N, C-alpha and C. Protein backbone atom coordinates (compact mmCIF):
# COMPACT_ATOMS: atom_id res chain seq x y z
N MET A 1 81.68 2.51 111.11
CA MET A 1 82.41 3.02 109.94
C MET A 1 82.33 2.04 108.77
N LEU A 2 82.54 0.74 109.05
CA LEU A 2 82.47 -0.25 107.98
C LEU A 2 81.09 -0.30 107.37
N THR A 3 80.06 -0.13 108.20
CA THR A 3 78.69 -0.13 107.69
C THR A 3 78.47 1.04 106.75
N GLN A 4 79.03 2.20 107.11
CA GLN A 4 78.88 3.37 106.25
C GLN A 4 79.59 3.16 104.91
N ILE A 5 80.79 2.59 104.95
CA ILE A 5 81.53 2.33 103.71
C ILE A 5 80.77 1.33 102.86
N ARG A 6 80.23 0.29 103.50
CA ARG A 6 79.49 -0.73 102.76
C ARG A 6 78.25 -0.13 102.09
N LYS A 7 77.51 0.68 102.82
CA LYS A 7 76.32 1.30 102.25
C LYS A 7 76.68 2.23 101.09
N HIS A 8 77.76 2.98 101.28
CA HIS A 8 78.19 3.88 100.21
C HIS A 8 78.53 3.10 98.94
N LEU A 9 79.29 2.02 99.09
CA LEU A 9 79.70 1.24 97.92
C LEU A 9 78.51 0.53 97.29
N ASP A 10 77.60 0.03 98.10
CA ASP A 10 76.44 -0.66 97.55
C ASP A 10 75.56 0.26 96.71
N SER A 11 75.62 1.56 97.01
CA SER A 11 74.81 2.52 96.25
C SER A 11 75.58 3.16 95.11
N ALA A 12 76.89 2.84 95.01
CA ALA A 12 77.73 3.45 93.97
C ALA A 12 77.45 2.79 92.62
N PRO A 13 77.50 3.54 91.53
CA PRO A 13 77.29 2.94 90.21
C PRO A 13 78.44 2.01 89.84
N THR A 14 78.14 0.98 89.09
CA THR A 14 79.17 0.01 88.69
C THR A 14 79.75 0.41 87.34
N THR A 15 80.47 1.52 87.35
CA THR A 15 81.10 2.05 86.15
C THR A 15 82.60 2.17 86.37
N LYS A 16 83.32 2.35 85.28
CA LYS A 16 84.78 2.49 85.38
C LYS A 16 85.15 3.72 86.21
N LYS A 17 84.45 4.83 85.99
CA LYS A 17 84.75 6.04 86.75
C LYS A 17 84.48 5.84 88.24
N SER A 18 83.42 5.12 88.54
CA SER A 18 83.10 4.85 89.94
C SER A 18 84.19 3.98 90.56
N TRP A 19 84.63 2.95 89.82
CA TRP A 19 85.71 2.12 90.34
C TRP A 19 86.97 2.94 90.58
N GLU A 20 87.33 3.79 89.63
CA GLU A 20 88.54 4.61 89.79
C GLU A 20 88.44 5.48 91.04
N ARG A 21 87.29 6.06 91.26
CA ARG A 21 87.09 6.93 92.43
C ARG A 21 87.25 6.14 93.73
N GLU A 22 86.64 4.97 93.82
CA GLU A 22 86.69 4.18 95.06
C GLU A 22 88.06 3.52 95.24
N ALA A 23 88.70 3.13 94.15
CA ALA A 23 90.02 2.52 94.25
C ALA A 23 91.07 3.50 94.73
N ASP A 24 90.83 4.80 94.55
CA ASP A 24 91.78 5.83 94.93
C ASP A 24 91.56 6.37 96.34
N GLN A 25 90.69 5.74 97.10
CA GLN A 25 90.41 6.21 98.45
C GLN A 25 91.51 5.79 99.43
N VAL A 26 91.69 6.60 100.46
CA VAL A 26 92.51 6.20 101.60
C VAL A 26 91.55 5.57 102.61
N TYR A 27 91.59 4.26 102.73
CA TYR A 27 90.71 3.56 103.66
C TYR A 27 91.37 3.50 105.04
N PRO A 28 90.59 3.54 106.09
CA PRO A 28 91.18 3.66 107.44
C PRO A 28 91.76 2.37 108.01
N THR A 29 91.31 1.22 107.52
CA THR A 29 91.76 -0.06 108.06
C THR A 29 91.79 -1.10 106.94
N MET A 30 92.45 -2.23 107.24
CA MET A 30 92.42 -3.33 106.29
C MET A 30 90.99 -3.83 106.10
N ALA A 31 90.22 -3.85 107.18
CA ALA A 31 88.84 -4.31 107.08
C ALA A 31 88.05 -3.44 106.10
N ALA A 32 88.33 -2.16 106.09
CA ALA A 32 87.64 -1.25 105.17
C ALA A 32 88.06 -1.54 103.73
N VAL A 33 89.34 -1.83 103.52
CA VAL A 33 89.79 -2.19 102.17
C VAL A 33 89.12 -3.48 101.72
N ARG A 34 88.96 -4.42 102.64
CA ARG A 34 88.28 -5.68 102.30
C ARG A 34 86.84 -5.42 101.86
N VAL A 35 86.18 -4.44 102.46
CA VAL A 35 84.82 -4.07 102.04
C VAL A 35 84.85 -3.59 100.60
N TYR A 36 85.82 -2.73 100.28
CA TYR A 36 85.98 -2.27 98.90
C TYR A 36 86.22 -3.46 97.97
N GLN A 37 87.09 -4.38 98.36
CA GLN A 37 87.43 -5.52 97.51
C GLN A 37 86.24 -6.44 97.30
N ARG A 38 85.41 -6.62 98.31
CA ARG A 38 84.20 -7.44 98.13
C ARG A 38 83.23 -6.77 97.16
N TRP A 39 83.16 -5.45 97.22
CA TRP A 39 82.32 -4.70 96.27
C TRP A 39 82.78 -4.96 94.84
N VAL A 40 84.08 -4.98 94.63
CA VAL A 40 84.62 -5.24 93.29
C VAL A 40 84.32 -6.68 92.87
N ARG A 41 84.53 -7.62 93.77
CA ARG A 41 84.34 -9.04 93.42
C ARG A 41 82.89 -9.37 93.05
N LYS A 42 81.95 -8.73 93.71
CA LYS A 42 80.55 -9.08 93.44
C LYS A 42 79.98 -8.32 92.23
N ASN A 43 80.80 -7.46 91.62
CA ASN A 43 80.39 -6.74 90.42
C ASN A 43 81.40 -7.04 89.31
N PRO A 44 81.12 -8.02 88.45
CA PRO A 44 82.10 -8.46 87.44
C PRO A 44 82.66 -7.34 86.58
N VAL A 45 81.84 -6.35 86.26
CA VAL A 45 82.31 -5.24 85.43
C VAL A 45 83.44 -4.50 86.14
N LEU A 46 83.28 -4.30 87.44
CA LEU A 46 84.32 -3.62 88.20
C LEU A 46 85.59 -4.47 88.26
N GLY A 47 85.39 -5.77 88.42
CA GLY A 47 86.54 -6.67 88.46
C GLY A 47 87.35 -6.63 87.19
N VAL A 48 86.68 -6.49 86.06
CA VAL A 48 87.38 -6.39 84.78
C VAL A 48 88.20 -5.12 84.72
N HIS A 49 87.61 -4.00 85.14
CA HIS A 49 88.34 -2.73 85.13
C HIS A 49 89.57 -2.81 86.02
N GLU A 50 89.39 -3.38 87.20
CA GLU A 50 90.51 -3.46 88.13
C GLU A 50 91.63 -4.35 87.58
N GLN A 51 91.26 -5.52 87.07
CA GLN A 51 92.28 -6.45 86.58
C GLN A 51 93.01 -5.88 85.37
N GLU A 52 92.30 -5.19 84.52
CA GLU A 52 92.95 -4.56 83.36
C GLU A 52 93.98 -3.54 83.82
N TRP A 53 93.63 -2.75 84.83
CA TRP A 53 94.56 -1.74 85.31
C TRP A 53 95.78 -2.39 85.96
N VAL A 54 95.55 -3.42 86.77
CA VAL A 54 96.65 -4.12 87.42
C VAL A 54 97.57 -4.74 86.37
N ASP A 55 97.00 -5.42 85.40
CA ASP A 55 97.80 -6.11 84.38
C ASP A 55 98.59 -5.12 83.52
N LYS A 56 98.04 -3.96 83.29
CA LYS A 56 98.70 -2.97 82.42
C LYS A 56 99.76 -2.18 83.17
N ASN A 57 99.54 -1.90 84.44
CA ASN A 57 100.40 -0.95 85.15
C ASN A 57 101.15 -1.54 86.34
N LEU A 58 100.45 -2.13 87.27
CA LEU A 58 101.08 -2.54 88.52
C LEU A 58 101.91 -3.80 88.39
N GLN A 59 101.35 -4.85 87.79
CA GLN A 59 102.06 -6.12 87.69
C GLN A 59 103.37 -6.00 86.92
N PRO A 60 103.41 -5.26 85.80
CA PRO A 60 104.69 -5.12 85.10
C PRO A 60 105.78 -4.46 85.95
N LEU A 61 105.40 -3.53 86.81
CA LEU A 61 106.40 -2.89 87.67
C LEU A 61 106.95 -3.87 88.70
N MET A 62 106.07 -4.70 89.25
CA MET A 62 106.51 -5.71 90.20
C MET A 62 107.46 -6.70 89.54
N SER A 63 107.11 -7.10 88.31
CA SER A 63 107.97 -8.04 87.58
C SER A 63 109.30 -7.39 87.21
N LEU A 64 109.26 -6.13 86.82
CA LEU A 64 110.49 -5.43 86.46
C LEU A 64 111.47 -5.40 87.62
N MET A 65 110.98 -5.09 88.81
CA MET A 65 111.87 -4.95 89.96
C MET A 65 112.39 -6.29 90.45
N ALA A 66 111.78 -7.39 89.98
CA ALA A 66 112.27 -8.73 90.33
C ALA A 66 113.17 -9.30 89.25
N ASP A 67 113.41 -8.54 88.19
CA ASP A 67 114.29 -8.99 87.10
C ASP A 67 115.74 -8.94 87.58
N THR A 68 116.47 -10.04 87.41
CA THR A 68 117.83 -10.09 87.94
C THR A 68 118.75 -9.06 87.29
N GLY A 69 118.51 -8.74 86.02
CA GLY A 69 119.31 -7.72 85.36
C GLY A 69 119.10 -6.35 85.99
N VAL A 70 117.85 -6.05 86.30
CA VAL A 70 117.54 -4.77 86.96
C VAL A 70 118.14 -4.76 88.36
N MET A 71 118.03 -5.88 89.06
CA MET A 71 118.60 -5.95 90.40
C MET A 71 120.10 -5.67 90.39
N ARG A 72 120.78 -6.21 89.39
CA ARG A 72 122.24 -6.02 89.31
C ARG A 72 122.58 -4.60 88.88
N CYS A 73 121.68 -3.94 88.17
CA CYS A 73 121.88 -2.54 87.86
C CYS A 73 121.76 -1.69 89.12
N VAL A 74 120.76 -2.00 89.93
CA VAL A 74 120.51 -1.24 91.15
C VAL A 74 121.59 -1.52 92.19
N VAL A 75 121.96 -2.80 92.33
CA VAL A 75 122.93 -3.21 93.35
C VAL A 75 124.05 -4.00 92.67
N PRO A 76 125.07 -3.35 92.18
CA PRO A 76 126.17 -4.07 91.53
C PRO A 76 126.80 -5.09 92.48
N GLY A 77 127.10 -6.27 91.95
CA GLY A 77 127.71 -7.32 92.75
C GLY A 77 126.76 -8.15 93.58
N ILE A 78 125.46 -7.91 93.42
CA ILE A 78 124.47 -8.64 94.22
C ILE A 78 124.45 -10.11 93.85
N SER A 79 124.25 -10.97 94.84
CA SER A 79 123.97 -12.39 94.62
C SER A 79 122.47 -12.61 94.74
N VAL A 80 121.89 -13.23 93.73
CA VAL A 80 120.44 -13.46 93.71
C VAL A 80 120.17 -14.96 93.76
N TYR A 81 119.35 -15.37 94.70
CA TYR A 81 119.01 -16.78 94.87
C TYR A 81 117.50 -16.97 94.82
N GLY A 82 117.12 -18.20 94.46
CA GLY A 82 115.71 -18.56 94.50
C GLY A 82 115.01 -18.53 93.17
N VAL A 83 115.61 -17.85 92.17
CA VAL A 83 115.01 -17.81 90.84
C VAL A 83 115.65 -18.89 89.97
N ASP A 84 116.94 -18.73 89.67
CA ASP A 84 117.67 -19.77 88.94
C ASP A 84 118.37 -20.72 89.90
N ARG A 85 118.93 -20.15 90.95
CA ARG A 85 119.65 -20.96 91.94
C ARG A 85 118.73 -21.23 93.12
N LYS A 86 118.14 -22.42 93.15
CA LYS A 86 117.16 -22.77 94.16
C LYS A 86 117.84 -23.24 95.44
N ILE A 87 117.63 -22.49 96.51
CA ILE A 87 118.14 -22.86 97.81
C ILE A 87 117.38 -22.05 98.86
N GLY A 88 117.05 -22.67 99.98
CA GLY A 88 116.35 -21.97 101.03
C GLY A 88 117.22 -20.87 101.64
N TYR A 89 116.61 -19.75 101.96
CA TYR A 89 117.41 -18.63 102.46
C TYR A 89 118.09 -18.94 103.78
N ARG A 90 117.50 -19.82 104.57
CA ARG A 90 118.12 -20.19 105.85
C ARG A 90 119.39 -21.01 105.66
N LEU A 91 119.57 -21.58 104.48
CA LEU A 91 120.74 -22.42 104.21
C LEU A 91 121.91 -21.64 103.62
N LEU A 92 121.69 -20.38 103.28
CA LEU A 92 122.74 -19.61 102.64
C LEU A 92 123.80 -19.17 103.65
N PRO A 93 125.06 -19.38 103.33
CA PRO A 93 126.12 -18.88 104.22
C PRO A 93 126.22 -17.36 104.13
N VAL A 94 126.82 -16.76 105.12
CA VAL A 94 127.05 -15.32 105.10
C VAL A 94 128.01 -14.99 103.97
N GLU A 95 127.69 -13.94 103.21
CA GLU A 95 128.53 -13.54 102.09
C GLU A 95 129.00 -12.10 102.29
N ASP A 96 130.07 -11.75 101.60
CA ASP A 96 130.62 -10.40 101.67
C ASP A 96 130.04 -9.50 100.59
N VAL A 97 128.92 -9.91 100.01
CA VAL A 97 128.24 -9.11 98.99
C VAL A 97 126.76 -9.01 99.36
N PRO A 98 126.04 -8.04 98.78
CA PRO A 98 124.59 -7.96 99.03
C PRO A 98 123.90 -9.20 98.46
N VAL A 99 122.85 -9.63 99.13
CA VAL A 99 122.13 -10.84 98.72
C VAL A 99 120.63 -10.56 98.67
N ALA A 100 119.99 -11.08 97.62
CA ALA A 100 118.52 -11.08 97.53
C ALA A 100 118.07 -12.52 97.35
N HIS A 101 116.99 -12.88 98.00
CA HIS A 101 116.50 -14.26 97.93
C HIS A 101 114.99 -14.27 97.68
N PHE A 102 114.59 -15.13 96.73
CA PHE A 102 113.18 -15.30 96.40
C PHE A 102 112.70 -16.66 96.86
N SER A 103 111.60 -16.69 97.59
CA SER A 103 110.96 -17.93 98.01
C SER A 103 109.61 -18.03 97.33
N GLY A 104 109.38 -19.09 96.57
CA GLY A 104 108.08 -19.25 95.93
C GLY A 104 108.21 -19.63 94.47
N ASN A 105 107.15 -19.35 93.73
CA ASN A 105 107.08 -19.66 92.31
C ASN A 105 106.92 -18.37 91.53
N PRO A 106 107.84 -18.06 90.61
CA PRO A 106 107.73 -16.79 89.86
C PRO A 106 106.41 -16.63 89.12
N ASP A 107 105.76 -17.74 88.78
CA ASP A 107 104.51 -17.67 88.02
C ASP A 107 103.28 -17.46 88.91
N THR A 108 103.38 -17.88 90.16
CA THR A 108 102.21 -17.80 91.04
C THR A 108 102.41 -16.88 92.24
N GLY A 109 103.60 -16.39 92.43
CA GLY A 109 103.84 -15.47 93.54
C GLY A 109 104.83 -16.03 94.55
N GLY A 110 105.37 -15.16 95.32
CA GLY A 110 106.34 -15.55 96.33
C GLY A 110 106.78 -14.33 97.11
N HIS A 111 107.96 -14.42 97.72
CA HIS A 111 108.38 -13.34 98.61
C HIS A 111 109.88 -13.14 98.52
N TRP A 112 110.30 -11.87 98.53
CA TRP A 112 111.71 -11.51 98.47
C TRP A 112 112.21 -11.02 99.83
N ARG A 113 113.41 -11.43 100.15
CA ARG A 113 114.14 -10.92 101.32
C ARG A 113 115.51 -10.46 100.84
N SER A 114 116.22 -9.71 101.67
CA SER A 114 117.57 -9.31 101.32
C SER A 114 118.46 -9.29 102.56
N ARG A 115 119.76 -9.28 102.31
CA ARG A 115 120.72 -9.30 103.41
C ARG A 115 121.93 -8.46 103.02
N LEU A 116 122.37 -7.62 103.92
CA LEU A 116 123.52 -6.76 103.67
C LEU A 116 124.81 -7.58 103.71
N PRO A 117 125.86 -7.09 103.06
CA PRO A 117 127.13 -7.83 103.05
C PRO A 117 127.63 -8.12 104.47
N GLY A 118 128.00 -9.38 104.69
CA GLY A 118 128.53 -9.79 105.98
C GLY A 118 127.52 -9.90 107.09
N ASP A 119 126.26 -9.65 106.79
CA ASP A 119 125.22 -9.68 107.82
C ASP A 119 124.66 -11.09 107.97
N ILE A 120 124.20 -11.40 109.17
CA ILE A 120 123.57 -12.69 109.44
C ILE A 120 122.06 -12.59 109.27
N ALA A 121 121.50 -11.48 109.74
CA ALA A 121 120.05 -11.30 109.76
C ALA A 121 119.51 -10.96 108.37
N TRP A 122 118.34 -11.48 108.08
CA TRP A 122 117.65 -11.17 106.83
C TRP A 122 116.67 -10.03 107.03
N PHE A 123 116.59 -9.16 106.03
CA PHE A 123 115.55 -8.13 106.01
C PHE A 123 114.32 -8.73 105.34
N ASP A 124 113.20 -8.68 106.03
CA ASP A 124 111.95 -9.22 105.52
C ASP A 124 110.93 -8.09 105.45
N PRO A 125 110.49 -7.69 104.25
CA PRO A 125 109.53 -6.59 104.12
C PRO A 125 108.25 -6.80 104.92
N TYR A 126 107.87 -8.05 105.16
CA TYR A 126 106.66 -8.31 105.94
C TYR A 126 106.77 -7.81 107.38
N LYS A 127 107.97 -7.62 107.87
CA LYS A 127 108.13 -7.20 109.26
C LYS A 127 107.69 -5.76 109.49
N GLU A 128 107.59 -4.97 108.41
CA GLU A 128 107.18 -3.58 108.59
C GLU A 128 106.54 -2.97 107.34
N TYR A 129 107.14 -3.17 106.19
CA TYR A 129 106.81 -2.33 105.04
C TYR A 129 105.68 -2.86 104.16
N GLN A 130 105.38 -4.11 104.25
CA GLN A 130 104.38 -4.73 103.37
C GLN A 130 103.44 -5.58 104.20
N VAL A 131 102.16 -5.57 103.82
CA VAL A 131 101.17 -6.37 104.53
C VAL A 131 101.52 -7.85 104.41
N GLU A 132 101.62 -8.51 105.54
CA GLU A 132 102.07 -9.91 105.54
C GLU A 132 101.16 -10.79 104.69
N GLY A 133 101.80 -11.63 103.88
CA GLY A 133 101.06 -12.57 103.05
C GLY A 133 100.63 -12.04 101.70
N THR A 134 100.99 -10.78 101.39
CA THR A 134 100.58 -10.22 100.11
C THR A 134 101.71 -10.29 99.09
N ASN A 135 101.34 -10.19 97.82
CA ASN A 135 102.30 -10.04 96.72
C ASN A 135 102.21 -8.59 96.25
N GLN A 136 103.20 -7.81 96.65
CA GLN A 136 103.19 -6.41 96.25
C GLN A 136 104.61 -5.98 95.92
N PHE A 137 105.23 -5.15 96.74
CA PHE A 137 106.54 -4.59 96.41
C PHE A 137 107.66 -5.15 97.28
N CYS A 138 107.58 -6.42 97.65
CA CYS A 138 108.65 -7.00 98.48
C CYS A 138 110.00 -6.95 97.77
N GLN A 139 109.99 -7.21 96.45
CA GLN A 139 111.24 -7.15 95.69
C GLN A 139 111.83 -5.75 95.71
N THR A 140 110.96 -4.75 95.69
CA THR A 140 111.41 -3.35 95.72
C THR A 140 111.94 -2.98 97.09
N PHE A 141 111.21 -3.33 98.13
CA PHE A 141 111.68 -3.03 99.48
C PHE A 141 113.00 -3.76 99.77
N ALA A 142 113.15 -4.99 99.26
CA ALA A 142 114.39 -5.74 99.46
C ALA A 142 115.57 -4.99 98.85
N LEU A 143 115.39 -4.44 97.65
CA LEU A 143 116.45 -3.66 97.02
C LEU A 143 116.68 -2.34 97.74
N MET A 144 115.61 -1.70 98.16
CA MET A 144 115.74 -0.44 98.90
C MET A 144 116.57 -0.64 100.17
N ASN A 145 116.39 -1.79 100.80
CA ASN A 145 117.18 -2.10 101.99
C ASN A 145 118.66 -2.16 101.66
N LEU A 146 119.01 -2.74 100.53
CA LEU A 146 120.41 -2.94 100.17
C LEU A 146 121.12 -1.64 99.81
N VAL A 147 120.38 -0.64 99.35
CA VAL A 147 121.01 0.62 98.97
C VAL A 147 120.69 1.74 99.96
N GLY A 148 120.11 1.39 101.10
CA GLY A 148 119.83 2.38 102.13
C GLY A 148 118.75 3.37 101.76
N ALA A 149 117.76 2.93 101.00
CA ALA A 149 116.72 3.84 100.51
C ALA A 149 115.36 3.61 101.16
N LEU A 150 115.28 2.76 102.17
CA LEU A 150 114.00 2.53 102.83
C LEU A 150 113.53 3.79 103.56
N PRO A 151 112.24 4.07 103.52
CA PRO A 151 111.74 5.19 104.34
C PRO A 151 111.85 4.81 105.81
N GLY A 152 111.95 5.81 106.66
CA GLY A 152 112.00 5.53 108.09
C GLY A 152 110.72 4.85 108.56
N ILE A 153 110.84 4.05 109.59
CA ILE A 153 109.65 3.37 110.13
C ILE A 153 108.68 4.41 110.67
N SER A 154 107.46 4.33 110.23
CA SER A 154 106.45 5.31 110.59
C SER A 154 106.11 5.23 112.09
N MET A 155 106.04 6.37 112.72
CA MET A 155 105.59 6.42 114.12
C MET A 155 104.09 6.19 114.21
N ASP A 156 103.40 6.43 113.13
CA ASP A 156 101.97 6.18 113.06
C ASP A 156 101.76 4.70 112.76
N ARG A 157 101.24 3.96 113.72
CA ARG A 157 101.10 2.53 113.56
C ARG A 157 99.75 2.14 112.97
N SER A 158 99.03 3.09 112.42
CA SER A 158 97.74 2.79 111.80
C SER A 158 97.94 2.19 110.42
N TRP A 159 96.85 1.73 109.84
CA TRP A 159 96.86 1.15 108.51
C TRP A 159 97.44 2.13 107.48
N GLY A 160 97.28 3.41 107.71
CA GLY A 160 97.72 4.41 106.75
C GLY A 160 99.19 4.37 106.43
N ARG A 161 100.00 3.78 107.31
CA ARG A 161 101.44 3.73 107.03
C ARG A 161 101.74 2.92 105.77
N TYR A 162 100.89 1.95 105.45
CA TYR A 162 101.14 1.15 104.25
C TYR A 162 100.96 1.96 102.97
N TYR A 163 100.09 2.97 103.00
CA TYR A 163 99.99 3.87 101.85
C TYR A 163 101.28 4.67 101.71
N THR A 164 101.84 5.09 102.84
CA THR A 164 103.09 5.85 102.82
C THR A 164 104.23 5.00 102.27
N TYR A 165 104.33 3.76 102.73
CA TYR A 165 105.39 2.88 102.26
C TYR A 165 105.24 2.55 100.78
N THR A 166 103.99 2.36 100.34
CA THR A 166 103.74 2.08 98.93
C THR A 166 104.18 3.25 98.06
N ALA A 167 103.87 4.46 98.49
CA ALA A 167 104.28 5.64 97.73
C ALA A 167 105.80 5.74 97.64
N ALA A 168 106.50 5.41 98.73
CA ALA A 168 107.96 5.44 98.72
C ALA A 168 108.52 4.41 97.74
N ALA A 169 107.91 3.23 97.68
CA ALA A 169 108.35 2.20 96.74
C ALA A 169 108.17 2.68 95.31
N LEU A 170 107.07 3.35 95.02
CA LEU A 170 106.83 3.86 93.67
C LEU A 170 107.87 4.90 93.27
N GLU A 171 108.25 5.75 94.21
CA GLU A 171 109.28 6.75 93.90
C GLU A 171 110.62 6.08 93.60
N PHE A 172 110.93 5.02 94.34
CA PHE A 172 112.17 4.29 94.10
C PHE A 172 112.14 3.61 92.73
N ILE A 173 111.01 3.02 92.38
CA ILE A 173 110.88 2.37 91.08
C ILE A 173 111.07 3.38 89.96
N ASP A 174 110.52 4.57 90.12
CA ASP A 174 110.71 5.62 89.12
C ASP A 174 112.20 5.91 88.92
N THR A 175 112.94 6.00 90.01
CA THR A 175 114.38 6.25 89.92
C THR A 175 115.10 5.11 89.19
N VAL A 176 114.69 3.88 89.50
CA VAL A 176 115.31 2.72 88.86
C VAL A 176 115.04 2.70 87.37
N ILE A 177 113.83 2.99 86.97
CA ILE A 177 113.49 3.00 85.54
C ILE A 177 114.35 4.02 84.81
N ARG A 178 114.49 5.19 85.38
CA ARG A 178 115.26 6.26 84.72
C ARG A 178 116.75 5.91 84.67
N ARG A 179 117.20 5.13 85.62
CA ARG A 179 118.63 4.79 85.68
C ARG A 179 118.97 3.55 84.87
N CYS A 180 118.10 2.56 84.88
CA CYS A 180 118.47 1.23 84.38
C CYS A 180 117.87 0.86 83.02
N LEU A 181 116.86 1.55 82.58
CA LEU A 181 116.23 1.22 81.30
C LEU A 181 116.59 2.24 80.24
N THR A 182 116.48 1.84 79.00
CA THR A 182 116.78 2.72 77.88
C THR A 182 115.75 2.53 76.77
N GLY A 183 115.74 3.47 75.84
CA GLY A 183 114.96 3.32 74.63
C GLY A 183 113.47 3.16 74.85
N LYS A 184 112.86 2.33 73.99
CA LYS A 184 111.42 2.13 74.02
C LYS A 184 110.98 1.51 75.35
N GLU A 185 111.79 0.59 75.89
CA GLU A 185 111.42 -0.04 77.16
C GLU A 185 111.30 1.01 78.25
N LYS A 186 112.21 1.95 78.29
CA LYS A 186 112.16 3.01 79.28
C LYS A 186 110.90 3.85 79.12
N THR A 187 110.59 4.18 77.88
CA THR A 187 109.39 4.98 77.61
C THR A 187 108.13 4.27 78.08
N VAL A 188 108.05 2.96 77.80
CA VAL A 188 106.87 2.18 78.18
C VAL A 188 106.73 2.14 79.71
N PHE A 189 107.83 1.89 80.40
CA PHE A 189 107.74 1.77 81.85
C PHE A 189 107.58 3.10 82.55
N LEU A 190 108.04 4.17 81.96
CA LEU A 190 107.79 5.49 82.55
C LEU A 190 106.31 5.81 82.54
N LYS A 191 105.61 5.37 81.52
CA LYS A 191 104.16 5.58 81.47
C LYS A 191 103.47 4.79 82.59
N LYS A 192 103.94 3.58 82.82
CA LYS A 192 103.34 2.74 83.86
C LYS A 192 103.60 3.31 85.25
N ILE A 193 104.82 3.76 85.49
CA ILE A 193 105.12 4.29 86.82
C ILE A 193 104.43 5.63 87.03
N ASP A 194 104.30 6.42 85.98
CA ASP A 194 103.57 7.69 86.11
C ASP A 194 102.11 7.44 86.48
N GLU A 195 101.52 6.41 85.86
CA GLU A 195 100.14 6.06 86.19
C GLU A 195 100.03 5.64 87.66
N CYS A 196 100.96 4.83 88.11
CA CYS A 196 100.90 4.35 89.50
C CYS A 196 101.22 5.44 90.50
N ARG A 197 102.14 6.33 90.16
CA ARG A 197 102.43 7.46 91.05
C ARG A 197 101.26 8.43 91.12
N THR A 198 100.48 8.49 90.06
CA THR A 198 99.28 9.33 90.06
C THR A 198 98.19 8.71 90.93
N HIS A 199 98.21 7.38 91.05
CA HIS A 199 97.19 6.66 91.82
C HIS A 199 97.87 5.74 92.85
N PRO A 200 98.63 6.29 93.78
CA PRO A 200 99.39 5.44 94.71
C PRO A 200 98.51 4.63 95.66
N TYR A 201 97.38 5.18 96.08
CA TYR A 201 96.52 4.44 97.01
C TYR A 201 95.95 3.19 96.34
N ARG A 202 95.67 3.31 95.06
CA ARG A 202 95.16 2.19 94.29
C ARG A 202 96.13 1.01 94.32
N CYS A 203 97.42 1.32 94.38
CA CYS A 203 98.45 0.27 94.34
C CYS A 203 98.49 -0.54 95.62
N LEU A 204 97.79 -0.13 96.63
CA LEU A 204 97.61 -0.94 97.84
C LEU A 204 96.21 -1.54 97.88
N ASN A 205 95.22 -0.76 97.53
CA ASN A 205 93.83 -1.21 97.65
C ASN A 205 93.50 -2.40 96.76
N VAL A 206 94.21 -2.56 95.64
CA VAL A 206 93.89 -3.66 94.72
C VAL A 206 94.65 -4.94 95.04
N ILE A 207 95.56 -4.89 96.02
CA ILE A 207 96.35 -6.06 96.36
C ILE A 207 95.49 -7.08 97.10
N GLU A 208 95.62 -8.33 96.71
CA GLU A 208 94.86 -9.39 97.37
C GLU A 208 95.46 -9.70 98.73
N PHE A 209 94.62 -9.67 99.76
CA PHE A 209 95.07 -9.96 101.12
C PHE A 209 94.80 -11.42 101.45
N PRO A 210 95.58 -11.98 102.38
CA PRO A 210 95.29 -13.35 102.83
C PRO A 210 93.90 -13.42 103.44
N ALA A 211 93.32 -14.61 103.41
CA ALA A 211 91.99 -14.79 103.99
C ALA A 211 92.02 -14.44 105.47
N SER A 212 91.00 -13.73 105.90
CA SER A 212 90.93 -13.32 107.31
C SER A 212 90.33 -14.42 108.16
């Protein structure tokens, strides 16, 4: 199967339309997505198209959902750590309010976890909803956990479940934009989420995976 995907991509034209078509595919495995990503990397023109799309649409949504003001709109009374208040999540005492914690550098990437009021255990999106080691919608899944909006754990344990989880995150982001933003900012972000909801598979296929 990987050989067939590789041959198909090697014969595909290096145009924006070709990139859009291949980026919107449902690939059967992570290995297959890596084949697509190598095709993009070895063709600079395709890499430009992909990065432009990510910078215009996907990255702003990820940043929006990690904004503390938006978090407090979604989850009133939430305590947010790791952005301004630096402390390891393992050192935080149990609180009677919802908690979100960021580990990493806001400029280079990191990971969000959340914890329900009075709970000891942390919810970690890597345990089910997001490919481990990636920078994608961890901030969104962390908030979804706090408001009871996570999709049920898929009985299908194939790679395809990550497309399902990504689509659910996009629907949640759309709800947040409509609820928490106003004016021109709302208009701008509705265009971005509409683009991503139109191309949900792309929002997983373009994510950089850890080295295999």
